[in-house]
C-alpha atoms as a PDB file:
ATOM      1  CA  MET A   1     168.682  93.106  32.893  1.00  0.00           C
ATOM      2  CA  TYR A   2     170.018  94.776  35.758  1.00  0.00           C
ATOM      3  CA  LYS A   3     166.949  97.216  36.597  1.00  0.00           C
ATOM      4  CA  TYR A   4     164.925  94.049  36.605  1.00  0.00           C
ATOM      5  CA  LEU A   5     167.286  92.287  39.020  1.00  0.00           C
ATOM      6  CA  LEU A   6     166.831  95.748  41.652  1.00  0.00           C
ATOM      7  CA  LEU A   7     163.074  95.496  41.217  1.00  0.00           C
ATOM      8  CA  PHE A   8     162.886  91.555  41.899  1.00  0.00           C
ATOM      9  CA  PRO A   9     163.981  91.767  46.215  1.00  0.00           C
ATOM     10  CA  PHE A  10     161.506  95.592  46.559  1.00  0.00           C
ATOM     11  CA  LEU A  11     158.565  93.257  44.713  1.00  0.00           C
ATOM     12  CA  ILE A  12     158.781  90.624  47.247  1.00  0.00           C
ATOM     13  CA  PHE A  13     159.384  92.945  50.075  1.00  0.00           C
ATOM     14  CA  THR A  14     155.726  94.780  49.388  1.00  0.00           C
ATOM     15  CA  SER A  15     154.216  91.186  48.740  1.00  0.00           C
ATOM     16  CA  CYS A  16     155.123  89.862  52.261  1.00  0.00           C
ATOM     17  CA  PHE A  17     153.983  93.209  53.890  1.00  0.00           C
ATOM     18  CA  GLN A  18     150.602  92.891  52.333  1.00  0.00           C
ATOM     19  CA  ASN A  19     150.335  89.573  53.628  1.00  0.00           C
ATOM     20  CA  ASN A  20     151.257  90.478  56.763  1.00  0.00           C
ATOM     21  CA  SER A  21     148.562  92.709  56.549  1.00  0.00           C
ATOM     22  CA  GLU A  22     145.802  90.089  55.414  1.00  0.00           C
ATOM     23  CA  THR A  23     146.355  87.817  58.533  1.00  0.00           C
ATOM     24  CA  LYS A  24     145.915  90.308  61.263  1.00  0.00           C
ATOM     25  CA  ASP A  25     143.542  90.718  63.504  1.00  0.00           C
ATOM     26  CA  PRO A  26     140.850  93.680  62.802  1.00  0.00           C
ATOM     27  CA  PRO A  27     140.940  95.618  66.087  1.00  0.00           C
ATOM     28  CA  LYS A  28     138.346  95.081  68.256  1.00  0.00           C
ATOM     29  CA  LYS A  29     135.656  96.606  69.337  1.00  0.00           C
ATOM     30  CA  ALA A  30     135.011  98.105  72.317  1.00  0.00           C
ATOM     31  CA  ASP A  31     131.967  96.290  74.274  1.00  0.00           C
ATOM     32  CA  PRO A  32     128.505  98.254  73.928  1.00  0.00           C
ATOM     33  CA  LYS A  33     126.776 100.112  77.006  1.00  0.00           C
ATOM     34  CA  PRO A  34     123.849  97.751  78.506  1.00  0.00           C
ATOM     35  CA  THR A  35     120.737  98.545  77.941  1.00  0.00           C
ATOM     36  CA  LYS A  36     117.214  97.090  78.871  1.00  0.00           C
ATOM     37  CA  SER A  37     117.324  95.050  76.184  1.00  0.00           C
ATOM     38  CA  ASP A  38     120.254  92.851  78.319  1.00  0.00           C
ATOM     39  CA  GLY A  39     118.170  91.563  80.257  1.00  0.00           C
ATOM     40  CA  ARG A  40     118.985  93.991  83.495  1.00  0.00           C
ATOM     41  CA  PHE A  41     115.827  95.976  83.993  1.00  0.00           C
ATOM     42  CA  LEU A  42     113.909  92.626  84.684  1.00  0.00           C
ATOM     43  CA  GLN A  43     116.562  90.738  87.021  1.00  0.00           C
ATOM     44  CA  PHE A  44     116.115  94.205  88.744  1.00  0.00           C
ATOM     45  CA  ILE A  45     112.139  93.718  88.879  1.00  0.00           C
ATOM     46  CA  GLU A  46     112.568  89.755  89.863  1.00  0.00           C
ATOM     47  CA  ASN A  47     115.154  90.486  92.318  1.00  0.00           C
ATOM     48  CA  GLU A  48     114.123  93.695  94.085  1.00  0.00           C
ATOM     49  CA  VAL A  49     110.296  94.683  92.525  1.00  0.00           C
ATOM     50  CA  VAL A  50     108.293  91.577  91.907  1.00  0.00           C
ATOM     51  CA  THR A  51     109.760  89.320  94.820  1.00  0.00           C
ATOM     52  CA  THR A  52     107.204  86.449  95.216  1.00  0.00           C
ATOM     53  CA  GLU A  53     107.025  83.482  93.060  1.00  0.00           C
ATOM     54  CA  SER A  54     103.430  83.786  93.038  1.00  0.00           C
ATOM     55  CA  GLU A  55     103.524  87.690  91.528  1.00  0.00           C
ATOM     56  CA  LYS A  56     105.352  86.402  88.655  1.00  0.00           C
ATOM     57  CA  LYS A  57     102.900  85.824  86.260  1.00  0.00           C
ATOM     58  CA  TYR A  58     102.416  90.067  86.460  1.00  0.00           C
ATOM     59  CA  ILE A  59     105.603  90.147  84.817  1.00  0.00           C
ATOM     60  CA  SER A  60     104.728  90.648  80.698  1.00  0.00           C
ATOM     61  CA  ASN A  61     106.172  91.634  78.041  1.00  0.00           C
ATOM     62  CA  ILE A  62     104.197  94.841  76.667  1.00  0.00           C
ATOM     63  CA  SER A  63     104.809  93.532  72.924  1.00  0.00           C
ATOM     64  CA  LYS A  64     102.531  91.269  73.887  1.00  0.00           C
ATOM     65  CA  HIS A  65      99.878  92.423  75.062  1.00  0.00           C
ATOM     66  CA  GLN A  66      96.438  94.079  73.440  1.00  0.00           C
ATOM     67  CA  LYS A  67      95.711  97.261  73.893  1.00  0.00           C
ATOM     68  CA  VAL A  68      92.534  98.731  74.639  1.00  0.00           C
ATOM     69  CA  LYS A  69      90.652 101.036  71.876  1.00  0.00           C
ATOM     70  CA  LEU A  70      91.443 104.563  72.377  1.00  0.00           C
ATOM     71  CA  VAL A  71      88.376 106.313  71.987  1.00  0.00           C
ATOM     72  CA  SER A  72      89.624 110.148  72.666  1.00  0.00           C
ATOM     73  CA  CYS A  73      93.222 111.838  74.017  1.00  0.00           C
ATOM     74  CA  ASP A  74      94.079 115.405  74.644  1.00  0.00           C
ATOM     75  CA  ALA A  75      95.744 117.547  76.688  1.00  0.00           C
ATOM     76  CA  THR A  76      93.659 117.374  79.468  1.00  0.00           C
ATOM     77  CA  ALA A  77      91.567 114.121  78.930  1.00  0.00           C
ATOM     78  CA  ILE A  78      91.887 110.054  77.919  1.00  0.00           C
ATOM     79  CA  HIS A  79      88.636 107.901  77.145  1.00  0.00           C
ATOM     80  CA  TYR A  80      89.371 104.364  76.171  1.00  0.00           C
ATOM     81  CA  LYS A  81      86.688 101.830  75.694  1.00  0.00           C
ATOM     82  CA  ASP A  82      86.397  98.272  73.948  1.00  0.00           C
ATOM     83  CA  GLU A  83      85.232  94.823  74.059  1.00  0.00           C
ATOM     84  CA  ILE A  84      87.895  91.811  75.230  1.00  0.00           C
ATOM     85  CA  GLU A  85      86.889  87.916  74.947  1.00  0.00           C
ATOM     86  CA  GLY A  86      83.460  88.936  75.774  1.00  0.00           C
ATOM     87  CA  THR A  87      84.307  91.327  78.644  1.00  0.00           C
ATOM     88  CA  ALA A  88      83.019  95.200  78.132  1.00  0.00           C
ATOM     89  CA  VAL A  89      85.999  97.569  79.703  1.00  0.00           C
ATOM     90  CA  GLU A  90      85.869 101.615  79.661  1.00  0.00           C
ATOM     91  CA  LEU A  91      88.452 104.352  81.039  1.00  0.00           C
ATOM     92  CA  LYS A  92      88.314 107.540  81.422  1.00  0.00           C
ATOM     93  CA  ILE A  93      91.013 110.240  82.974  1.00  0.00           C
ATOM     94  CA  SER A  94      90.967 113.804  82.744  1.00  0.00           C
ATOM     95  CA  ILE A  95      92.810 115.755  84.887  1.00  0.00           C
ATOM     96  CA  LYS A  96      92.960 119.449  86.252  1.00  0.00           C
ATOM     97  CA  PRO A  97      94.994 122.437  87.602  1.00  0.00           C
ATOM     98  CA  PHE A  98      96.283 121.427  91.412  1.00  0.00           C
ATOM     99  CA  ASP A  99      94.535 124.211  93.390  1.00  0.00           C
ATOM    100  CA  LYS A 100      96.877 124.616  96.314  1.00  0.00           C
ATOM    101  CA  THR A 101      93.625 126.450  98.891  1.00  0.00           C
ATOM    102  CA  LYS A 102      92.276 122.692  98.538  1.00  0.00           C
ATOM    103  CA  HIS A 103      95.432 120.894  99.793  1.00  0.00           C
ATOM    104  CA  LYS A 104      97.447 121.237 103.351  1.00  0.00           C
ATOM    105  CA  LEU A 105     101.120 122.064 102.085  1.00  0.00           C
ATOM    106  CA  GLN A 106     104.147 121.417 103.951  1.00  0.00           C
ATOM    107  CA  TYR A 107     107.685 123.266 102.204  1.00  0.00           C
ATOM    108  CA  LYS A 108     110.817 121.424 102.077  1.00  0.00           C
ATOM    109  CA  VAL A 109     113.392 123.521 104.247  1.00  0.00           C
ATOM    110  CA  PHE A 110     116.872 123.945 103.374  1.00  0.00           C
ATOM    111  CA  ASN A 111     119.025 125.283 105.907  1.00  0.00           C
ATOM    112  CA  GLY A 112     116.277 127.306 107.446  1.00  0.00           C
ATOM    113  CA  LYS A 113     114.722 128.997 104.520  1.00  0.00           C
ATOM    114  CA  GLN A 114     111.330 127.449 103.528  1.00  0.00           C
ATOM    115  CA  SER A 115     111.907 126.173  99.980  1.00  0.00           C
ATOM    116  CA  LYS A 116     109.307 125.981  96.970  1.00  0.00           C
ATOM    117  CA  ASP A 117     108.843 122.257  97.176  1.00  0.00           C
ATOM    118  CA  CYS A 118     106.514 120.398  98.605  1.00  0.00           C
ATOM    119  CA  GLU A 119     107.476 117.847 100.842  1.00  0.00           C
ATOM    120  CA  LEU A 120     103.767 116.748 101.644  1.00  0.00           C
ATOM    121  CA  VAL A 121     100.046 117.425 100.423  1.00  0.00           C
ATOM    122  CA  ASP A 122      97.859 116.432 102.808  1.00  0.00           C
ATOM    123  CA  GLY A 123     100.584 115.172 104.544  1.00  0.00           C
ATOM    124  CA  VAL A 124     101.691 112.310 102.292  1.00  0.00           C
ATOM    125  CA  ARG A 125     105.067 112.652  99.947  1.00  0.00           C
ATOM    126  CA  PRO A 126     102.897 113.622  96.505  1.00  0.00           C
ATOM    127  CA  ARG A 127     104.387 111.413  93.817  1.00  0.00           C
ATOM    128  CA  GLY A 128     105.655 113.528  90.663  1.00  0.00           C
ATOM    129  CA  GLY A 129     104.538 116.855  92.516  1.00  0.00           C
ATOM    130  CA  PHE A 130     108.010 117.029  94.956  1.00  0.00           C
ATOM    131  CA  TYR A 131     109.715 119.834  92.838  1.00  0.00           C
ATOM    132  CA  GLY A 132     107.857 122.934  92.785  1.00  0.00           C
ATOM    133  CA  CYS A 133     104.564 121.188  94.422  1.00  0.00           C
ATOM    134  CA  PRO A 134     102.116 119.601  91.916  1.00  0.00           C
ATOM    135  CA  THR A 135     101.023 121.841  89.039  1.00  0.00           C
ATOM    136  CA  THR A 136      98.148 119.482  87.823  1.00  0.00           C
ATOM    137  CA  GLU A 137      96.129 116.273  89.885  1.00  0.00           C
ATOM    138  CA  PHE A 138      93.465 113.716  88.848  1.00  0.00           C
ATOM    139  CA  ASP A 139      89.584 115.302  88.312  1.00  0.00           C
ATOM    140  CA  VAL A 140      87.888 112.049  87.021  1.00  0.00           C
ATOM    141  CA  ILE A 141      88.914 108.543  87.454  1.00  0.00           C
ATOM    142  CA  GLU A 142      86.531 106.173  85.897  1.00  0.00           C
ATOM    143  CA  PHE A 143      87.026 102.367  85.203  1.00  0.00           C
ATOM    144  CA  SER A 144      84.393 100.015  84.396  1.00  0.00           C
ATOM    145  CA  ILE A 145      84.268  95.682  83.832  1.00  0.00           C
ATOM    146  CA  ASN A 146      80.565  95.257  81.549  1.00  0.00           C
ATOM    147  CA  GLY A 147      79.126  98.022  83.290  1.00  0.00           C
ATOM    148  CA  HIS A 148      79.865  97.490  86.481  1.00  0.00           C
ATOM    149  CA  PRO A 149      82.235 100.328  87.891  1.00  0.00           C
ATOM    150  CA  LEU A 150      85.324 100.306  89.505  1.00  0.00           C
ATOM    151  CA  ASP A 151      86.629 102.625  91.970  1.00  0.00           C
ATOM    152  CA  LEU A 152      90.435 103.616  91.628  1.00  0.00           C
ATOM    153  CA  GLY A 153      90.128 106.854  92.292  1.00  0.00           C
ATOM    154  CA  LYS A 154      91.340 106.261  96.061  1.00  0.00           C
ATOM    155  CA  HIS A 155      94.384 104.345  94.957  1.00  0.00           C
ATOM    156  CA  PHE A 156      96.052 107.293  92.923  1.00  0.00           C
ATOM    157  CA  ASP A 157      95.072 110.225  95.261  1.00  0.00           C
ATOM    158  CA  HIS A 158      98.848 111.329  95.679  1.00  0.00           C
ATOM    159  CA  TYR A 159     100.074 111.167  91.985  1.00  0.00           C
ATOM    160  CA  TYR A 160     100.441 114.344  90.553  1.00  0.00           C
ATOM    161  CA  ASN A 161     102.111 115.951  87.209  1.00  0.00           C
ATOM    162  CA  LEU A 162     100.635 113.120  84.934  1.00  0.00           C
ATOM    163  CA  LYS A 163     101.498 112.287  81.233  1.00  0.00           C
ATOM    164  CA  MET A 164      98.197 113.084  79.511  1.00  0.00           C
ATOM    165  CA  CYS A 165      98.241 111.603  75.829  1.00  0.00           C
ATOM    166  CA  GLU A 166     102.220 112.464  75.403  1.00  0.00           C
ATOM    167  CA  ASN A 167     104.312 110.072  73.138  1.00  0.00           C
ATOM    168  CA  TYR A 168     106.347 110.084  76.369  1.00  0.00           C
ATOM    169  CA  LEU A 169     107.808 106.662  75.797  1.00  0.00           C
ATOM    170  CA  GLU A 170     107.945 104.738  72.760  1.00  0.00           C
ATOM    171  CA  ASN A 171     105.746 101.801  73.790  1.00  0.00           C
ATOM    172  CA  PHE A 172     104.114 103.486  76.208  1.00  0.00           C
ATOM    173  CA  SER A 173     101.658 105.777  73.724  1.00  0.00           C
ATOM    174  CA  PRO A 174      99.456 107.591  74.037  1.00  0.00           C
ATOM    175  CA  SER A 175     100.337 107.787  78.313  1.00  0.00           C
ATOM    176  CA  PRO A 176      97.636 106.944  80.150  1.00  0.00           C
ATOM    177  CA  MET A 177      98.225 103.456  77.929  1.00  0.00           C
ATOM    178  CA  LEU A 178      95.134 100.658  79.182  1.00  0.00           C
ATOM    179  CA  THR A 179      96.422  96.860  77.875  1.00  0.00           C
ATOM    180  CA  TYR A 180      95.085  93.454  78.127  1.00  0.00           C
ATOM    181  CA  SER A 181      97.757  90.723  78.691  1.00  0.00           C
ATOM    182  CA  GLY A 182      95.392  87.554  78.862  1.00  0.00           C
ATOM    183  CA  ASP A 183      93.699  85.522  81.584  1.00  0.00           C
ATOM    184  CA  GLY A 184      90.763  88.463  82.660  1.00  0.00           C
ATOM    185  CA  LEU A 185      93.554  90.927  83.508  1.00  0.00           C
ATOM    186  CA  PHE A 186      93.550  94.544  82.412  1.00  0.00           C
ATOM    187  CA  ASN A 187      97.124  96.519  82.772  1.00  0.00           C
ATOM    188  CA  LEU A 188      97.514 100.467  83.379  1.00  0.00           C
ATOM    189  CA  TYR A 189     100.519 102.260  83.255  1.00  0.00           C
ATOM    190  CA  LEU A 190     100.697 105.457  84.509  1.00  0.00           C
ATOM    191  CA  ILE A 191     103.707 108.002  83.402  1.00  0.00           C
ATOM    192  CA  GLY A 192     104.525 110.966  85.514  1.00  0.00           C
ATOM    193  CA  GLY A 193     106.358 113.752  87.295  1.00  0.00           C
ATOM    194  CA  LYS A 194     109.180 116.599  86.651  1.00  0.00           C
ATOM    195  CA  GLY A 195     112.893 116.162  86.606  1.00  0.00           C
ATOM    196  CA  ILE A 196     114.496 113.733  89.266  1.00  0.00           C
ATOM    197  CA  ASP A 197     110.386 113.397  90.392  1.00  0.00           C
ATOM    198  CA  LYS A 198     109.165 111.079  87.348  1.00  0.00           C
ATOM    199  CA  PHE A 199     107.465 108.006  88.104  1.00  0.00           C
ATOM    200  CA  PHE A 200     106.522 105.044  86.414  1.00  0.00           C
ATOM    201  CA  THR A 201     103.301 102.909  87.529  1.00  0.00           C
ATOM    202  CA  LYS A 202     101.728  99.675  86.701  1.00  0.00           C
ATOM    203  CA  VAL A 203      98.673  98.911  88.256  1.00  0.00           C
ATOM    204  CA  ILE A 204      96.894  95.560  87.531  1.00  0.00           C
ATOM    205  CA  ILE A 205      93.043  94.904  87.438  1.00  0.00           C
ATOM    206  CA  ASP A 206      90.374  91.943  86.982  1.00  0.00           C
ATOM    207  CA  GLY A 207      86.857  91.725  87.103  1.00  0.00           C
ATOM    208  CA  SER A 208      86.100  93.295  90.000  1.00  0.00           C
ATOM    209  CA  ARG A 209      89.446  95.051  91.931  1.00  0.00           C
ATOM    210  CA  ILE A 210      93.071  96.326  91.956  1.00  0.00           C
ATOM    211  CA  VAL A 211      94.924  92.743  92.242  1.00  0.00           C
ATOM    212  CA  LYS A 212      97.860  94.843  92.332  1.00  0.00           C
ATOM    213  CA  SER A 213      99.846  97.420  91.651  1.00  0.00           C
ATOM    214  CA  TYR A 214     103.911  98.744  91.241  1.00  0.00           C
ATOM    215  CA  TYR A 215     105.653 102.107  91.625  1.00  0.00           C
ATOM    216  CA  LEU A 216     108.754 102.748  89.778  1.00  0.00           C
ATOM    217  CA  ASP A 217     111.246 106.220  90.992  1.00  0.00           C
ATOM    218  CA  TYR A 218     112.982 107.995  88.722  1.00  0.00           C
ATOM    219  CA  ASN A 219     116.468 106.343  90.493  1.00  0.00           C
ATOM    220  CA  GLN A 220     114.694 102.977  90.232  1.00  0.00           C
ATOM    221  CA  LEU A 221     114.657 103.990  86.494  1.00  0.00           C
ATOM    222  CA  ARG A 222     117.623 105.720  85.992  1.00  0.00           C
ATOM    223  CA  ASP A 223     119.607 102.457  87.316  1.00  0.00           C
ATOM    224  CA  ASN A 224     117.828  99.924  84.881  1.00  0.00           C
ATOM    225  CA  GLY A 225     117.086 101.410  81.544  1.00  0.00           C
ATOM    226  CA  GLY A 226     114.050 103.212  82.280  1.00  0.00           C
ATOM    227  CA  PHE A 227     114.151 106.267  79.890  1.00  0.00           C
ATOM    228  CA  ASP A 228     115.612 103.849  76.687  1.00  0.00           C
ATOM    229  CA  LYS A 229     113.453 105.010  74.121  1.00  0.00           C
ATOM    230  CA  ASP A 230     112.618 101.193  72.973  1.00  0.00           C
ATOM    231  CA  PHE A 231     111.872 100.560  77.737  1.00  0.00           C
ATOM    232  CA  ASN A 232     109.643  97.837  77.216  1.00  0.00           C
ATOM    233  CA  GLY A 233     108.264  98.525  81.223  1.00  0.00           C
ATOM    234  CA  PHE A 234     106.882  94.734  82.749  1.00  0.00           C
END
């Protein structure tokens, strides 16, 4: 009997401790790091890129686009051809090694010494080709709607180091990517550059012309979730 009397207070203490443990709030988890999914990328687009009401119709969800049929794709060329809503569309893009002898180059100067970086190519800052100068450039870019060619070449005169047929970003594979977003609008997405000269471009084309284009540089992409695996663009 004496043994059980000694054990009784211990059982009460143990029971109280367990009850207190069960009622204690669980430790709070750290807030997740913000990603593009929290809307910061679209907020950036609306505040700093698509700044007018008339342009907001060009903001679209890539997951709702219809991809144009891919015919072929390799490290130097890509070919799309399809018929969507009665509209025949075809795109061919190829790249070639950058030929320095056919361009006027101006090199960046650091501390009085000429570097290997091309500050200007043909008098213009090279998009995607500043660091170490371009290594590839456009060879052919042909786009047609219902058999009528649209001249896109001049628009990309100063773009270099295009990501060709790469699974660079999950939702933009292969790159370059051509989609249809409705209302007769086709969207051409280009990704290129190297190091901190990477870029992302969206070109919107209707039945006769480029109606709008957007260019995002490395800093804009980095600061707004543009390198996230599930980046959706706009």
